[in-house]
All heavy atoms as atom14 arrays in JSON, in Angstrom:
{
  "sequence": "VVVGTTGWNSRMQEVAALAAQTGGTIMHSANFSIGVNMFY",
  "atom14_mask": [
    [1, 1, 1, 1, 1, 1, 1, 0, 0, 0, 0, 0, 0, 0],
    [1, 1, 1, 1, 1, 1, 1, 0, 0, 0, 0, 0, 0, 0],
    [1, 1, 1, 1, 1, 1, 1, 0, 0, 0, 0, 0, 0, 0],
    [1, 1, 1, 1, 0, 0, 0, 0, 0, 0, 0, 0, 0, 0],
    [1, 1, 1, 1, 1, 1, 1, 0, 0, 0, 0, 0, 0, 0],
    [1, 1, 1, 1, 1, 1, 1, 0, 0, 0, 0, 0, 0, 0],
    [1, 1, 1, 1, 0, 0, 0, 0, 0, 0, 0, 0, 0, 0],
    [1, 1, 1, 1, 1, 1, 1, 1, 1, 1, 1, 1, 1, 1],
    [1, 1, 1, 1, 1, 1, 1, 1, 0, 0, 0, 0, 0, 0],
    [1, 1, 1, 1, 1, 1, 0, 0, 0, 0, 0, 0, 0, 0],
    [1, 1, 1, 1, 1, 1, 1, 1, 1, 1, 1, 0, 0, 0],
    [1, 1, 1, 1, 1, 1, 1, 1, 0, 0, 0, 0, 0, 0],
    [1, 1, 1, 1, 1, 1, 1, 1, 1, 0, 0, 0, 0, 0],
    [1, 1, 1, 1, 1, 1, 1, 1, 1, 0, 0, 0, 0, 0],
    [1, 1, 1, 1, 1, 1, 1, 0, 0, 0, 0, 0, 0, 0],
    [1, 1, 1, 1, 1, 0, 0, 0, 0, 0, 0, 0, 0, 0],
    [1, 1, 1, 1, 1, 0, 0, 0, 0, 0, 0, 0, 0, 0],
    [1, 1, 1, 1, 1, 1, 1, 1, 0, 0, 0, 0, 0, 0],
    [1, 1, 1, 1, 1, 0, 0, 0, 0, 0, 0, 0, 0, 0],
    [1, 1, 1, 1, 1, 0, 0, 0, 0, 0, 0, 0, 0, 0],
    [1, 1, 1, 1, 1, 1, 1, 1, 1, 0, 0, 0, 0, 0],
    [1, 1, 1, 1, 1, 1, 1, 0, 0, 0, 0, 0, 0, 0],
    [1, 1, 1, 1, 0, 0, 0, 0, 0, 0, 0, 0, 0, 0],
    [1, 1, 1, 1, 0, 0, 0, 0, 0, 0, 0, 0, 0, 0],
    [1, 1, 1, 1, 1, 1, 1, 0, 0, 0, 0, 0, 0, 0],
    [1, 1, 1, 1, 1, 1, 1, 1, 0, 0, 0, 0, 0, 0],
    [1, 1, 1, 1, 1, 1, 1, 1, 0, 0, 0, 0, 0, 0],
    [1, 1, 1, 1, 1, 1, 1, 1, 1, 1, 0, 0, 0, 0],
    [1, 1, 1, 1, 1, 1, 0, 0, 0, 0, 0, 0, 0, 0],
    [1, 1, 1, 1, 1, 0, 0, 0, 0, 0, 0, 0, 0, 0],
    [1, 1, 1, 1, 1, 1, 1, 1, 0, 0, 0, 0, 0, 0],
    [1, 1, 1, 1, 1, 1, 1, 1, 1, 1, 1, 0, 0, 0],
    [1, 1, 1, 1, 1, 1, 0, 0, 0, 0, 0, 0, 0, 0],
    [1, 1, 1, 1, 1, 1, 1, 1, 0, 0, 0, 0, 0, 0],
    [1, 1, 1, 1, 0, 0, 0, 0, 0, 0, 0, 0, 0, 0],
    [1, 1, 1, 1, 1, 1, 1, 0, 0, 0, 0, 0, 0, 0],
    [1, 1, 1, 1, 1, 1, 1, 1, 0, 0, 0, 0, 0, 0],
    [1, 1, 1, 1, 1, 1, 1, 1, 0, 0, 0, 0, 0, 0],
    [1, 1, 1, 1, 1, 1, 1, 1, 1, 1, 1, 0, 0, 0],
    [1, 1, 1, 1, 1, 1, 1, 1, 1, 1, 1, 1, 0, 0]
  ],
  "atom14_positions": [
    [[109.71, 139.25, 120.5], [110.67, 138.69, 119.42], [109.81, 138.51, 118.12], [108.87, 137.75, 118.17], [111.33, 137.43, 119.86], [112.28, 136.93, 118.7], [112.12, 137.59, 121.11], [0.0, 0.0, 0.0], [0.0, 0.0, 0.0], [0.0, 0.0, 0.0], [0.0, 0.0, 0.0], [0.0, 0.0, 0.0], [0.0, 0.0, 0.0], [0.0, 0.0, 0.0]],
    [[110.25, 139.13, 117.1], [109.72, 138.84, 115.74], [110.64, 137.9, 115.02], [111.82, 138.19, 114.86], [109.53, 140.2, 114.94], [109.33, 139.9, 113.48], [108.36, 141.04, 115.54], [0.0, 0.0, 0.0], [0.0, 0.0, 0.0], [0.0, 0.0, 0.0], [0.0, 0.0, 0.0], [0.0, 0.0, 0.0], [0.0, 0.0, 0.0], [0.0, 0.0, 0.0]],
    [[110.11, 136.82, 114.53], [110.89, 135.72, 113.82], [110.46, 135.69, 112.39], [109.36, 135.29, 112.11], [110.73, 134.35, 114.54], [111.56, 133.3, 113.71], [111.25, 134.41, 116.01], [0.0, 0.0, 0.0], [0.0, 0.0, 0.0], [0.0, 0.0, 0.0], [0.0, 0.0, 0.0], [0.0, 0.0, 0.0], [0.0, 0.0, 0.0], [0.0, 0.0, 0.0]],
    [[111.38, 136.07, 111.51], [111.13, 136.02, 110.13], [111.7, 134.84, 109.41], [111.35, 134.57, 108.26], [0.0, 0.0, 0.0], [0.0, 0.0, 0.0], [0.0, 0.0, 0.0], [0.0, 0.0, 0.0], [0.0, 0.0, 0.0], [0.0, 0.0, 0.0], [0.0, 0.0, 0.0], [0.0, 0.0, 0.0], [0.0, 0.0, 0.0], [0.0, 0.0, 0.0]],
    [[112.54, 134.08, 110.06], [113.13, 132.86, 109.49], [112.07, 131.8, 109.39], [111.23, 131.61, 110.25], [114.27, 132.29, 110.36], [115.14, 133.37, 110.64], [114.98, 131.15, 109.71], [0.0, 0.0, 0.0], [0.0, 0.0, 0.0], [0.0, 0.0, 0.0], [0.0, 0.0, 0.0], [0.0, 0.0, 0.0], [0.0, 0.0, 0.0], [0.0, 0.0, 0.0]],
    [[112.02, 131.16, 108.19], [111.04, 130.08, 107.92], [111.7, 128.68, 108.09], [112.92, 128.58, 108.43], [110.44, 130.19, 106.62], [111.5, 130.16, 105.58], [109.66, 131.53, 106.44], [0.0, 0.0, 0.0], [0.0, 0.0, 0.0], [0.0, 0.0, 0.0], [0.0, 0.0, 0.0], [0.0, 0.0, 0.0], [0.0, 0.0, 0.0], [0.0, 0.0, 0.0]],
    [[110.91, 127.66, 107.91], [111.47, 126.25, 107.96], [111.33, 125.56, 109.3], [111.9, 124.53, 109.45], [0.0, 0.0, 0.0], [0.0, 0.0, 0.0], [0.0, 0.0, 0.0], [0.0, 0.0, 0.0], [0.0, 0.0, 0.0], [0.0, 0.0, 0.0], [0.0, 0.0, 0.0], [0.0, 0.0, 0.0], [0.0, 0.0, 0.0], [0.0, 0.0, 0.0]],
    [[110.42, 126.14, 110.2], [110.27, 125.47, 111.52], [108.75, 125.28, 111.82], [108.36, 125.09, 112.98], [110.89, 126.27, 112.65], [110.52, 127.73, 112.7], [110.9, 128.77, 111.82], [109.69, 128.36, 113.71], [110.27, 129.94, 112.26], [109.6, 129.72, 113.38], [108.95, 127.91, 114.77], [108.83, 130.6, 114.11], [108.16, 128.73, 115.55], [108.11, 130.13, 115.12]],
    [[107.96, 125.18, 110.76], [106.49, 125.02, 110.94], [106.16, 123.78, 111.77], [105.21, 123.76, 112.56], [105.82, 124.8, 109.58], [105.63, 126.19, 108.9], [106.08, 127.22, 109.36], [104.94, 126.21, 107.81], [0.0, 0.0, 0.0], [0.0, 0.0, 0.0], [0.0, 0.0, 0.0], [0.0, 0.0, 0.0], [0.0, 0.0, 0.0], [0.0, 0.0, 0.0]],
    [[106.95, 122.64, 111.59], [106.64, 121.46, 112.28], [106.9, 121.53, 113.83], [106.5, 120.61, 114.55], [107.47, 120.32, 111.76], [108.87, 120.55, 111.94], [0.0, 0.0, 0.0], [0.0, 0.0, 0.0], [0.0, 0.0, 0.0], [0.0, 0.0, 0.0], [0.0, 0.0, 0.0], [0.0, 0.0, 0.0], [0.0, 0.0, 0.0], [0.0, 0.0, 0.0]],
    [[107.46, 122.66, 114.28], [107.85, 122.74, 115.69], [107.06, 123.92, 116.37], [107.49, 124.32, 117.46], [109.35, 122.89, 115.79], [110.08, 121.71, 115.17], [111.56, 121.83, 115.4], [112.03, 121.56, 116.74], [113.21, 121.45, 117.17], [114.24, 121.65, 116.26], [113.51, 121.19, 118.42], [0.0, 0.0, 0.0], [0.0, 0.0, 0.0], [0.0, 0.0, 0.0]],
    [[105.98, 124.33, 115.79], [105.2, 125.45, 116.31], [104.68, 125.07, 117.77], [104.67, 125.89, 118.63], [104.03, 125.8, 115.42], [104.4, 126.41, 114.07], [105.01, 128.08, 114.31], [105.37, 128.51, 112.55], [0.0, 0.0, 0.0], [0.0, 0.0, 0.0], [0.0, 0.0, 0.0], [0.0, 0.0, 0.0], [0.0, 0.0, 0.0], [0.0, 0.0, 0.0]],
    [[104.17, 123.9, 117.95], [103.65, 123.5, 119.26], [104.67, 123.51, 120.24], [104.48, 123.98, 121.44], [102.91, 122.12, 119.17], [101.66, 122.13, 118.39], [100.96, 120.79, 118.44], [101.61, 119.77, 118.72], [99.72, 120.73, 118.11], [0.0, 0.0, 0.0], [0.0, 0.0, 0.0], [0.0, 0.0, 0.0], [0.0, 0.0, 0.0], [0.0, 0.0, 0.0]],
    [[105.88, 123.07, 119.91], [106.99, 123.1, 120.84], [107.36, 124.46, 121.23], [107.62, 124.79, 122.44], [108.21, 122.36, 120.14], [109.44, 122.37, 120.98], [110.67, 121.67, 120.27], [110.39, 121.09, 119.2], [111.75, 121.97, 120.69], [0.0, 0.0, 0.0], [0.0, 0.0, 0.0], [0.0, 0.0, 0.0], [0.0, 0.0, 0.0], [0.0, 0.0, 0.0]],
    [[107.39, 125.39, 120.29], [107.67, 126.8, 120.58], [106.61, 127.44, 121.44], [106.86, 128.22, 122.39], [107.91, 127.55, 119.27], [108.08, 129.11, 119.51], [109.18, 127.1, 118.53], [0.0, 0.0, 0.0], [0.0, 0.0, 0.0], [0.0, 0.0, 0.0], [0.0, 0.0, 0.0], [0.0, 0.0, 0.0], [0.0, 0.0, 0.0], [0.0, 0.0, 0.0]],
    [[105.37, 127.17, 121.15], [104.26, 127.71, 121.93], [104.35, 127.26, 123.35], [104.2, 128.06, 124.3], [102.94, 127.3, 121.35], [0.0, 0.0, 0.0], [0.0, 0.0, 0.0], [0.0, 0.0, 0.0], [0.0, 0.0, 0.0], [0.0, 0.0, 0.0], [0.0, 0.0, 0.0], [0.0, 0.0, 0.0], [0.0, 0.0, 0.0], [0.0, 0.0, 0.0]],
    [[104.76, 125.94, 123.6], [104.92, 125.48, 124.92], [106.07, 126.14, 125.62], [106.02, 126.5, 126.85], [105.12, 124.0, 124.92], [0.0, 0.0, 0.0], [0.0, 0.0, 0.0], [0.0, 0.0, 0.0], [0.0, 0.0, 0.0], [0.0, 0.0, 0.0], [0.0, 0.0, 0.0], [0.0, 0.0, 0.0], [0.0, 0.0, 0.0], [0.0, 0.0, 0.0]],
    [[107.16, 126.37, 124.93], [108.38, 127.07, 125.45], [108.05, 128.54, 125.83], [108.49, 129.02, 126.88], [109.5, 126.98, 124.56], [110.83, 127.56, 124.99], [111.31, 126.75, 126.3], [111.9, 127.44, 123.91], [0.0, 0.0, 0.0], [0.0, 0.0, 0.0], [0.0, 0.0, 0.0], [0.0, 0.0, 0.0], [0.0, 0.0, 0.0], [0.0, 0.0, 0.0]],
    [[107.26, 129.15, 125.02], [106.86, 130.56, 125.23], [106.01, 130.57, 126.59], [106.2, 131.45, 127.4], [106.01, 131.11, 124.08], [0.0, 0.0, 0.0], [0.0, 0.0, 0.0], [0.0, 0.0, 0.0], [0.0, 0.0, 0.0], [0.0, 0.0, 0.0], [0.0, 0.0, 0.0], [0.0, 0.0, 0.0], [0.0, 0.0, 0.0], [0.0, 0.0, 0.0]],
    [[105.09, 129.65, 126.74], [104.24, 129.65, 127.88], [105.15, 129.32, 129.14], [104.92, 129.92, 130.2], [103.18, 128.53, 127.77], [0.0, 0.0, 0.0], [0.0, 0.0, 0.0], [0.0, 0.0, 0.0], [0.0, 0.0, 0.0], [0.0, 0.0, 0.0], [0.0, 0.0, 0.0], [0.0, 0.0, 0.0], [0.0, 0.0, 0.0], [0.0, 0.0, 0.0]],
    [[106.09, 128.49, 129.03], [106.94, 128.14, 130.12], [107.87, 129.28, 130.6], [108.11, 129.47, 131.74], [107.81, 126.93, 129.75], [108.8, 126.49, 130.78], [109.66, 125.31, 130.24], [109.37, 124.67, 129.32], [110.89, 125.24, 130.78], [0.0, 0.0, 0.0], [0.0, 0.0, 0.0], [0.0, 0.0, 0.0], [0.0, 0.0, 0.0], [0.0, 0.0, 0.0]],
    [[108.37, 130.06, 129.58], [109.39, 131.07, 129.87], [108.78, 132.48, 130.06], [109.37, 133.38, 130.59], [110.45, 131.1, 128.78], [109.8, 131.5, 127.54], [111.17, 129.8, 128.62], [0.0, 0.0, 0.0], [0.0, 0.0, 0.0], [0.0, 0.0, 0.0], [0.0, 0.0, 0.0], [0.0, 0.0, 0.0], [0.0, 0.0, 0.0], [0.0, 0.0, 0.0]],
    [[107.53, 132.69, 129.55], [106.91, 133.97, 129.56], [107.39, 134.86, 128.39], [107.0, 136.06, 128.34], [0.0, 0.0, 0.0], [0.0, 0.0, 0.0], [0.0, 0.0, 0.0], [0.0, 0.0, 0.0], [0.0, 0.0, 0.0], [0.0, 0.0, 0.0], [0.0, 0.0, 0.0], [0.0, 0.0, 0.0], [0.0, 0.0, 0.0], [0.0, 0.0, 0.0]],
    [[108.12, 134.26, 127.49], [108.59, 135.0, 126.28], [107.47, 135.15, 125.23], [106.53, 134.26, 125.24], [0.0, 0.0, 0.0], [0.0, 0.0, 0.0], [0.0, 0.0, 0.0], [0.0, 0.0, 0.0], [0.0, 0.0, 0.0], [0.0, 0.0, 0.0], [0.0, 0.0, 0.0], [0.0, 0.0, 0.0], [0.0, 0.0, 0.0], [0.0, 0.0, 0.0]],
    [[107.61, 136.02, 124.3], [106.55, 136.23, 123.35], [107.13, 136.31, 121.92], [108.13, 137.01, 121.74], [105.82, 137.53, 123.6], [105.37, 137.56, 124.97], [104.6, 137.73, 122.67], [0.0, 0.0, 0.0], [0.0, 0.0, 0.0], [0.0, 0.0, 0.0], [0.0, 0.0, 0.0], [0.0, 0.0, 0.0], [0.0, 0.0, 0.0], [0.0, 0.0, 0.0]],
    [[106.59, 135.56, 121.05], [107.09, 135.54, 119.63], [105.93, 135.85, 118.67], [104.8, 135.45, 118.81], [107.61, 134.07, 119.26], [109.06, 133.95, 119.87], [107.69, 133.88, 117.79], [109.71, 132.69, 119.48], [0.0, 0.0, 0.0], [0.0, 0.0, 0.0], [0.0, 0.0, 0.0], [0.0, 0.0, 0.0], [0.0, 0.0, 0.0], [0.0, 0.0, 0.0]],
    [[106.31, 136.68, 117.73], [105.45, 137.04, 116.54], [106.06, 136.38, 115.33], [107.24, 136.69, 115.06], [105.33, 138.53, 116.47], [104.84, 138.97, 115.12], [103.08, 138.58, 114.84], [102.95, 139.1, 113.07], [0.0, 0.0, 0.0], [0.0, 0.0, 0.0], [0.0, 0.0, 0.0], [0.0, 0.0, 0.0], [0.0, 0.0, 0.0], [0.0, 0.0, 0.0]],
    [[105.4, 135.48, 114.7], [105.97, 134.78, 113.51], [105.01, 135.02, 112.28], [103.82, 135.2, 112.42], [106.17, 133.34, 113.81], [104.96, 132.51, 113.74], [104.54, 131.88, 112.6], [103.98, 132.32, 114.63], [103.38, 131.27, 112.87], [103.02, 131.54, 114.08], [0.0, 0.0, 0.0], [0.0, 0.0, 0.0], [0.0, 0.0, 0.0], [0.0, 0.0, 0.0]],
    [[105.68, 134.89, 111.18], [104.89, 134.92, 109.92], [105.77, 134.22, 108.83], [106.95, 134.4, 108.83], [104.51, 136.26, 109.51], [103.85, 136.27, 108.23], [0.0, 0.0, 0.0], [0.0, 0.0, 0.0], [0.0, 0.0, 0.0], [0.0, 0.0, 0.0], [0.0, 0.0, 0.0], [0.0, 0.0, 0.0], [0.0, 0.0, 0.0], [0.0, 0.0, 0.0]],
    [[105.13, 133.55, 107.95], [105.82, 132.96, 106.8], [106.3, 134.1, 105.93], [107.32, 133.95, 105.15], [104.96, 132.05, 106.06], [0.0, 0.0, 0.0], [0.0, 0.0, 0.0], [0.0, 0.0, 0.0], [0.0, 0.0, 0.0], [0.0, 0.0, 0.0], [0.0, 0.0, 0.0], [0.0, 0.0, 0.0], [0.0, 0.0, 0.0], [0.0, 0.0, 0.0]],
    [[105.62, 135.3, 105.94], [106.0, 136.44, 105.14], [105.4, 137.62, 105.78], [104.27, 137.72, 106.01], [105.43, 136.22, 103.67], [106.0, 137.21, 102.77], [106.13, 138.41, 103.02], [106.36, 136.71, 101.56], [0.0, 0.0, 0.0], [0.0, 0.0, 0.0], [0.0, 0.0, 0.0], [0.0, 0.0, 0.0], [0.0, 0.0, 0.0], [0.0, 0.0, 0.0]],
    [[106.3, 138.59, 106.07], [105.87, 139.84, 106.75], [105.41, 140.92, 105.8], [104.96, 141.94, 106.31], [106.99, 140.35, 107.66], [107.18, 139.61, 108.94], [108.03, 138.54, 109.07], [106.39, 139.93, 110.01], [108.07, 137.86, 110.25], [106.41, 139.27, 111.24], [107.28, 138.21, 111.32], [0.0, 0.0, 0.0], [0.0, 0.0, 0.0], [0.0, 0.0, 0.0]],
    [[105.51, 140.67, 104.52], [104.98, 141.68, 103.56], [103.52, 141.99, 103.75], [102.67, 141.05, 103.87], [105.24, 141.17, 102.11], [104.42, 141.87, 101.22], [0.0, 0.0, 0.0], [0.0, 0.0, 0.0], [0.0, 0.0, 0.0], [0.0, 0.0, 0.0], [0.0, 0.0, 0.0], [0.0, 0.0, 0.0], [0.0, 0.0, 0.0], [0.0, 0.0, 0.0]],
    [[103.13, 143.26, 103.85], [101.73, 143.67, 104.07], [100.96, 143.13, 102.78], [99.86, 142.65, 102.91], [101.64, 145.1, 104.23], [102.44, 145.64, 105.38], [100.14, 145.55, 104.34], [102.15, 145.04, 106.69], [0.0, 0.0, 0.0], [0.0, 0.0, 0.0], [0.0, 0.0, 0.0], [0.0, 0.0, 0.0], [0.0, 0.0, 0.0], [0.0, 0.0, 0.0]],
    [[101.55, 143.27, 101.61], [100.88, 142.84, 100.38], [100.58, 141.37, 100.37], [99.59, 140.93, 99.99], [0.0, 0.0, 0.0], [0.0, 0.0, 0.0], [0.0, 0.0, 0.0], [0.0, 0.0, 0.0], [0.0, 0.0, 0.0], [0.0, 0.0, 0.0], [0.0, 0.0, 0.0], [0.0, 0.0, 0.0], [0.0, 0.0, 0.0], [0.0, 0.0, 0.0]],
    [[101.52, 140.5, 100.87], [101.34, 139.1, 100.95], [100.2, 138.79, 101.92], [99.38, 137.85, 101.63], [102.68, 138.43, 101.38], [102.35, 136.97, 101.82], [103.62, 138.34, 100.12], [0.0, 0.0, 0.0], [0.0, 0.0, 0.0], [0.0, 0.0, 0.0], [0.0, 0.0, 0.0], [0.0, 0.0, 0.0], [0.0, 0.0, 0.0], [0.0, 0.0, 0.0]],
    [[100.11, 139.44, 103.0], [99.1, 139.2, 103.96], [97.64, 139.62, 103.42], [96.68, 138.93, 103.77], [99.39, 139.86, 105.27], [100.4, 139.07, 106.09], [100.07, 138.23, 106.85], [101.68, 139.41, 105.86], [0.0, 0.0, 0.0], [0.0, 0.0, 0.0], [0.0, 0.0, 0.0], [0.0, 0.0, 0.0], [0.0, 0.0, 0.0], [0.0, 0.0, 0.0]],
    [[97.64, 140.55, 102.53], [96.38, 140.9, 101.83], [96.14, 139.77, 100.77], [94.97, 139.33, 100.64], [96.45, 142.2, 101.14], [96.47, 143.44, 102.09], [96.24, 145.01, 101.27], [97.84, 145.21, 100.57], [0.0, 0.0, 0.0], [0.0, 0.0, 0.0], [0.0, 0.0, 0.0], [0.0, 0.0, 0.0], [0.0, 0.0, 0.0], [0.0, 0.0, 0.0]],
    [[97.18, 139.28, 100.15], [97.02, 138.17, 99.2], [96.47, 136.97, 99.87], [95.6, 136.22, 99.29], [98.39, 137.88, 98.59], [98.35, 136.85, 97.45], [97.77, 137.11, 96.27], [99.0, 135.62, 97.64], [97.72, 136.2, 95.26], [99.04, 134.72, 96.61], [98.41, 135.01, 95.38], [0.0, 0.0, 0.0], [0.0, 0.0, 0.0], [0.0, 0.0, 0.0]],
    [[96.91, 136.65, 101.09], [96.34, 135.46, 101.82], [94.79, 135.53, 101.91], [94.17, 134.57, 101.66], [96.86, 135.5, 103.25], [98.33, 135.13, 103.36], [99.0, 135.47, 104.59], [98.96, 134.3, 102.56], [100.32, 135.13, 104.77], [100.29, 133.96, 102.73], [100.94, 134.34, 103.83], [102.27, 134.04, 104.01], [0.0, 0.0, 0.0], [0.0, 0.0, 0.0]]
  ]
}
C-alpha cells in the first residue's frame, strides 16, 4: 500500500505496530515527487 495522504505524522508508531501485527506493508511519503526527494 502506497499512502500519499498527509496529516497523520503523529500516528506513525501506531501504524508501524499495526503493520507488524497484520503483516501488511505501507510505503509513505510527505511528497512522492522525485524532485522534492532530491530537494530534501
